[in-house]
Amino acid sequence: MNNPLPPRQKEVLTLAASGAPYKCIADDLGISVEAVQRHMDNIRATLGIDSIAKLTHYALAKKMVKNEYAK
């Protein structure tokens, strides 16, 4: 299974892994902060990952975000 997340959850995770606060994610996507939180809860449940650091690592591994430190 390459990436089990639906498109909207991928968008939310990409922005969160890039360091965007939930308020900015909500504004960028035109959804509420509560919807962002629900998406993040669903992402954590789907992936079985419990921290933003581990979610960021996942997003980097899946090339969902650019690793500025990679050579």
N, C-alpha and C. Protein backbone atom coordinates (compact mmCIF):
# COMPACT_ATOMS: atom_id res chain seq x y z
N MET A 1 0.86 -1.17 0.00
CA MET A 1 0.00 0.00 0.00
C MET A 1 0.91 1.24 0.00
N ASN A 2 0.87 1.99 -1.08
CA ASN A 2 1.76 3.11 -1.24
C ASN A 2 1.41 4.27 -0.31
N ASN A 3 0.21 4.82 -0.45
CA ASN A 3 -0.22 5.92 0.41
C ASN A 3 -1.72 5.79 0.60
N PRO A 4 -2.14 5.35 1.79
CA PRO A 4 -3.55 5.04 2.01
C PRO A 4 -4.44 6.26 2.29
N LEU A 5 -3.90 7.46 2.16
CA LEU A 5 -4.67 8.65 2.51
C LEU A 5 -5.43 9.21 1.30
N PRO A 6 -6.67 9.66 1.54
CA PRO A 6 -7.41 10.33 0.47
C PRO A 6 -6.76 11.69 0.15
N PRO A 7 -7.08 12.26 -0.99
CA PRO A 7 -6.43 13.51 -1.43
C PRO A 7 -6.48 14.64 -0.40
N ARG A 8 -7.61 14.87 0.25
CA ARG A 8 -7.70 15.99 1.20
C ARG A 8 -6.78 15.77 2.39
N GLN A 9 -6.72 14.52 2.87
CA GLN A 9 -5.83 14.23 3.99
C GLN A 9 -4.37 14.38 3.58
N LYS A 10 -4.04 14.04 2.34
CA LYS A 10 -2.68 14.26 1.85
C LYS A 10 -2.35 15.75 1.85
N GLU A 11 -3.30 16.58 1.43
CA GLU A 11 -3.09 18.04 1.44
C GLU A 11 -2.83 18.54 2.86
N VAL A 12 -3.66 18.10 3.79
CA VAL A 12 -3.53 18.53 5.18
C VAL A 12 -2.18 18.07 5.74
N LEU A 13 -1.83 16.82 5.51
CA LEU A 13 -0.56 16.29 6.02
C LEU A 13 0.63 17.02 5.40
N THR A 14 0.57 17.28 4.12
CA THR A 14 1.67 17.99 3.45
C THR A 14 1.89 19.36 4.08
N LEU A 15 0.81 20.08 4.32
CA LEU A 15 0.94 21.41 4.93
C LEU A 15 1.40 21.31 6.38
N ALA A 16 0.86 20.36 7.13
CA ALA A 16 1.27 20.19 8.53
C ALA A 16 2.73 19.79 8.64
N ALA A 17 3.15 18.87 7.77
CA ALA A 17 4.54 18.42 7.79
C ALA A 17 5.51 19.53 7.35
N SER A 18 5.00 20.49 6.62
CA SER A 18 5.81 21.64 6.22
C SER A 18 5.92 22.68 7.33
N GLY A 19 5.20 22.45 8.42
CA GLY A 19 5.29 23.33 9.57
C GLY A 19 4.18 24.35 9.68
N ALA A 20 3.18 24.26 8.82
CA ALA A 20 2.08 25.22 8.86
C ALA A 20 1.20 24.97 10.09
N PRO A 21 0.84 26.04 10.80
CA PRO A 21 -0.12 25.89 11.91
C PRO A 21 -1.51 25.51 11.39
N TYR A 22 -2.29 24.87 12.23
CA TYR A 22 -3.63 24.44 11.81
C TYR A 22 -4.46 25.59 11.27
N LYS A 23 -4.34 26.78 11.86
CA LYS A 23 -5.11 27.94 11.40
C LYS A 23 -4.75 28.29 9.96
N CYS A 24 -3.46 28.25 9.63
CA CYS A 24 -3.02 28.54 8.26
C CYS A 24 -3.49 27.46 7.29
N ILE A 25 -3.43 26.21 7.73
CA ILE A 25 -3.91 25.10 6.89
C ILE A 25 -5.39 25.31 6.60
N ALA A 26 -6.15 25.62 7.64
CA ALA A 26 -7.59 25.84 7.48
C ALA A 26 -7.85 26.98 6.50
N ASP A 27 -7.14 28.09 6.66
CA ASP A 27 -7.32 29.24 5.76
C ASP A 27 -6.94 28.87 4.33
N ASP A 28 -5.82 28.19 4.16
CA ASP A 28 -5.36 27.80 2.81
C ASP A 28 -6.35 26.89 2.10
N LEU A 29 -6.96 25.99 2.86
CA LEU A 29 -7.86 25.00 2.26
C LEU A 29 -9.33 25.39 2.33
N GLY A 30 -9.61 26.50 2.99
CA GLY A 30 -11.00 26.96 3.09
C GLY A 30 -11.87 26.07 3.96
N ILE A 31 -11.26 25.53 5.02
CA ILE A 31 -12.00 24.68 5.95
C ILE A 31 -11.78 25.22 7.36
N SER A 32 -12.49 24.67 8.33
CA SER A 32 -12.35 25.13 9.71
C SER A 32 -11.12 24.48 10.36
N VAL A 33 -10.66 25.11 11.43
CA VAL A 33 -9.56 24.55 12.21
C VAL A 33 -9.99 23.18 12.77
N GLU A 34 -11.26 23.07 13.14
CA GLU A 34 -11.76 21.79 13.66
C GLU A 34 -11.70 20.70 12.59
N ALA A 35 -11.97 21.07 11.35
CA ALA A 35 -11.87 20.09 10.26
C ALA A 35 -10.42 19.65 10.07
N VAL A 36 -9.49 20.58 10.19
CA VAL A 36 -8.06 20.23 10.11
C VAL A 36 -7.72 19.25 11.22
N GLN A 37 -8.17 19.53 12.42
CA GLN A 37 -7.91 18.64 13.56
C GLN A 37 -8.51 17.25 13.31
N ARG A 38 -9.72 17.19 12.78
CA ARG A 38 -10.34 15.89 12.46
C ARG A 38 -9.53 15.14 11.40
N HIS A 39 -9.09 15.87 10.37
CA HIS A 39 -8.26 15.22 9.35
C HIS A 39 -6.98 14.67 9.98
N MET A 40 -6.34 15.46 10.84
CA MET A 40 -5.10 15.00 11.47
C MET A 40 -5.37 13.78 12.36
N ASP A 41 -6.48 13.79 13.08
CA ASP A 41 -6.84 12.63 13.91
C ASP A 41 -7.04 11.39 13.03
N ASN A 42 -7.72 11.57 11.90
CA ASN A 42 -7.95 10.45 10.98
C ASN A 42 -6.65 9.97 10.34
N ILE A 43 -5.77 10.90 10.02
CA ILE A 43 -4.46 10.54 9.46
C ILE A 43 -3.68 9.71 10.47
N ARG A 44 -3.65 10.17 11.71
CA ARG A 44 -2.93 9.43 12.76
C ARG A 44 -3.52 8.02 12.91
N ALA A 45 -4.83 7.92 12.90
CA ALA A 45 -5.49 6.61 13.06
C ALA A 45 -5.20 5.70 11.87
N THR A 46 -5.29 6.25 10.66
CA THR A 46 -5.06 5.45 9.45
C THR A 46 -3.62 4.93 9.39
N LEU A 47 -2.68 5.81 9.70
CA LEU A 47 -1.26 5.44 9.58
C LEU A 47 -0.71 4.79 10.84
N GLY A 48 -1.43 4.91 11.95
CA GLY A 48 -0.93 4.36 13.21
C GLY A 48 0.27 5.14 13.71
N ILE A 49 0.28 6.44 13.44
CA ILE A 49 1.39 7.31 13.83
C ILE A 49 0.85 8.33 14.83
N ASP A 50 1.56 8.48 15.96
CA ASP A 50 1.00 9.28 17.04
C ASP A 50 1.62 10.66 17.25
N SER A 51 2.63 11.04 16.48
CA SER A 51 3.25 12.36 16.70
C SER A 51 3.45 13.09 15.39
N ILE A 52 3.49 14.41 15.46
CA ILE A 52 3.71 15.21 14.26
C ILE A 52 5.11 14.97 13.71
N ALA A 53 6.08 14.70 14.59
CA ALA A 53 7.44 14.42 14.12
C ALA A 53 7.45 13.15 13.26
N LYS A 54 6.77 12.12 13.72
CA LYS A 54 6.71 10.87 12.96
C LYS A 54 5.89 11.04 11.68
N LEU A 55 4.82 11.86 11.75
CA LEU A 55 4.05 12.15 10.54
C LEU A 55 4.90 12.92 9.53
N THR A 56 5.71 13.84 10.02
CA THR A 56 6.61 14.58 9.13
C THR A 56 7.61 13.64 8.48
N HIS A 57 8.15 12.72 9.25
CA HIS A 57 9.07 11.72 8.71
C HIS A 57 8.38 10.90 7.62
N TYR A 58 7.15 10.49 7.87
CA TYR A 58 6.36 9.75 6.88
C TYR A 58 6.20 10.57 5.61
N ALA A 59 5.82 11.83 5.77
CA ALA A 59 5.60 12.70 4.61
C ALA A 59 6.90 12.90 3.81
N LEU A 60 8.01 13.02 4.51
CA LEU A 60 9.30 13.14 3.82
C LEU A 60 9.64 11.86 3.07
N ALA A 61 9.41 10.72 3.71
CA ALA A 61 9.71 9.43 3.08
C ALA A 61 8.86 9.20 1.83
N LYS A 62 7.61 9.70 1.87
CA LYS A 62 6.71 9.55 0.73
C LYS A 62 6.86 10.68 -0.29
N LYS A 63 7.85 11.56 -0.03
CA LYS A 63 8.11 12.71 -0.92
C LYS A 63 6.90 13.62 -1.08
N MET A 64 6.16 13.75 0.02
CA MET A 64 5.01 14.65 0.05
C MET A 64 5.46 16.08 0.32
N VAL A 65 6.61 16.21 0.96
CA VAL A 65 7.22 17.51 1.22
C VAL A 65 8.68 17.43 0.83
N LYS A 66 9.24 18.58 0.51
CA LYS A 66 10.64 18.64 0.10
C LYS A 66 11.54 18.68 1.32
N ASN A 67 12.57 17.87 1.30
CA ASN A 67 13.57 17.87 2.36
C ASN A 67 14.65 18.87 1.97
N GLU A 68 14.63 20.04 2.58
CA GLU A 68 15.56 21.10 2.23
C GLU A 68 17.00 20.76 2.62
N TYR A 69 17.20 19.77 3.48
CA TYR A 69 18.52 19.42 3.95
C TYR A 69 19.12 18.24 3.20
N ALA A 70 18.34 17.60 2.35
CA ALA A 70 18.86 16.46 1.58
C ALA A 70 19.79 16.97 0.48
N LYS A 71 20.77 16.19 0.19
CA LYS A 71 21.72 16.55 -0.88
C LYS A 71 21.47 15.78 -2.13
